[in-house]
Amino acid sequence: MACLGQPVRAFLRSLVGNLERGSMTHIKRIFGLFGLTTLAFVLLTGDAHAYIDTSTGSYIVQILLAGLMGIMLTLKVFWRQVKAYFSKDKTTNDKSEDKTD
């Protein structure tokens, strides 16, 4: 298992090494590498034989409700902007552009 480390490091360097930092291709490659690593962990792991406690279900429900409340609060705060974005009148924008010329 220890001999596997060097080829993996060399592979990762070849994926990421030659790109400029901050470029979009660099970011895409990092996210692709993250997705590939996550997929490998999911597919290559064995059975855990773990016990899921009864409080785990309520914790998951709590996380889902908190996410839903966060989305609802975000919509409440930015509702006017969201409403204005979806109900823009194209003729109003054309008239305002004519006035600035």
Protein backbone atom coordinates (compact mmCIF):
# COMPACT_ATOMS: atom_id res chain seq x y z
CA MET A 1 0.00 0.00 0.00
CA ALA A 2 2.87 2.40 0.70
CA CYS A 3 4.23 2.04 -2.84
CA LEU A 4 0.90 3.32 -4.19
CA GLY A 5 1.51 6.82 -2.79
CA GLN A 6 4.16 7.97 -5.26
CA PRO A 7 2.25 7.11 -8.46
CA VAL A 8 -0.86 8.79 -7.07
CA ARG A 9 1.12 11.92 -6.20
CA ALA A 10 2.68 11.94 -9.67
CA PHE A 11 -0.76 11.59 -11.27
CA LEU A 12 -2.14 14.47 -9.21
CA ARG A 13 0.84 16.66 -10.11
CA SER A 14 0.31 15.93 -13.79
CA LEU A 15 -3.37 16.89 -13.50
CA VAL A 16 -2.87 20.12 -11.61
CA GLY A 17 0.76 21.07 -12.03
CA ASN A 18 1.01 22.77 -15.42
CA LEU A 19 -1.96 25.11 -15.08
CA GLU A 20 -1.88 28.73 -13.97
CA ARG A 21 -3.39 29.35 -10.59
CA GLY A 22 -6.74 31.11 -10.74
CA SER A 23 -7.52 30.22 -14.34
CA MET A 24 -10.91 28.74 -15.14
CA THR A 25 -9.41 25.52 -16.49
CA HIS A 26 -7.48 25.14 -13.26
CA ILE A 27 -10.69 25.50 -11.25
CA LYS A 28 -12.55 23.06 -13.50
CA ARG A 29 -9.79 20.54 -13.14
CA ILE A 30 -9.76 20.88 -9.36
CA PHE A 31 -13.54 20.32 -9.20
CA GLY A 32 -13.25 17.38 -11.60
CA LEU A 33 -10.54 15.86 -9.44
CA PHE A 34 -12.67 16.39 -6.34
CA GLY A 35 -15.64 14.70 -8.04
CA LEU A 36 -13.49 11.82 -9.23
CA THR A 37 -12.06 11.34 -5.74
CA THR A 38 -15.52 11.43 -4.17
CA LEU A 39 -16.81 8.93 -6.71
CA ALA A 40 -13.87 6.63 -6.00
CA PHE A 41 -14.51 6.78 -2.25
CA VAL A 42 -18.18 6.00 -2.75
CA LEU A 43 -17.66 3.14 -5.18
CA LEU A 44 -14.56 1.55 -3.67
CA THR A 45 -15.50 1.48 0.00
CA GLY A 46 -16.72 -1.73 1.54
CA ASP A 47 -19.59 -2.38 3.90
CA ALA A 48 -19.35 -0.40 7.11
CA HIS A 49 -21.58 -2.64 9.28
CA ALA A 50 -22.40 0.48 11.27
CA TYR A 51 -25.39 1.18 13.45
CA ILE A 52 -27.50 4.23 12.67
CA ASP A 53 -28.78 5.65 15.94
CA THR A 54 -32.43 6.68 16.23
CA SER A 55 -31.46 10.31 16.78
CA THR A 56 -29.76 10.33 13.37
CA GLY A 57 -33.13 10.50 11.64
CA SER A 58 -34.21 13.53 13.62
CA TYR A 59 -30.84 15.16 12.93
CA ILE A 60 -31.31 14.67 9.19
CA VAL A 61 -34.82 16.16 9.42
CA GLN A 62 -33.38 19.10 11.36
CA ILE A 63 -30.73 19.71 8.67
CA LEU A 64 -33.36 19.59 5.91
CA LEU A 65 -35.66 21.99 7.77
CA ALA A 66 -32.79 24.39 8.44
CA GLY A 67 -31.90 24.37 4.75
CA LEU A 68 -35.51 25.00 3.79
CA MET A 69 -35.77 27.87 6.27
CA GLY A 70 -32.53 29.33 4.92
CA ILE A 71 -33.89 29.25 1.38
CA MET A 72 -37.15 30.84 2.51
CA LEU A 73 -35.31 33.61 4.38
CA THR A 74 -33.12 34.29 1.35
CA LEU A 75 -36.19 34.57 -0.87
CA LYS A 76 -37.86 36.87 1.66
CA VAL A 77 -34.86 39.18 1.82
CA PHE A 78 -34.35 39.33 -1.95
CA TRP A 79 -38.01 38.92 -3.02
CA ARG A 80 -38.28 42.31 -4.72
CA GLN A 81 -35.17 41.69 -6.77
CA VAL A 82 -36.33 38.20 -7.76
CA LYS A 83 -39.79 39.51 -8.66
CA ALA A 84 -38.32 42.38 -10.68
CA TYR A 85 -36.00 40.02 -12.53
CA PHE A 86 -38.81 37.75 -13.68
CA SER A 87 -41.32 40.51 -14.46
CA LYS A 88 -39.18 43.02 -16.34
CA ASP A 89 -41.03 44.86 -19.07
CA LYS A 90 -38.92 44.90 -22.24
CA THR A 91 -40.55 48.09 -23.56
CA THR A 92 -39.62 49.99 -20.40
CA ASN A 93 -35.96 49.08 -20.88
CA ASP A 94 -36.05 50.14 -24.53
CA LYS A 95 -37.56 53.53 -23.66
CA SER A 96 -35.02 54.17 -20.92
CA GLU A 97 -32.17 53.37 -23.33
CA ASP A 98 -33.57 55.86 -25.86
CA LYS A 99 -33.63 58.62 -23.24
CA THR A 100 -29.95 58.15 -22.38
CA ASP A 101 -28.81 58.56 -26.01
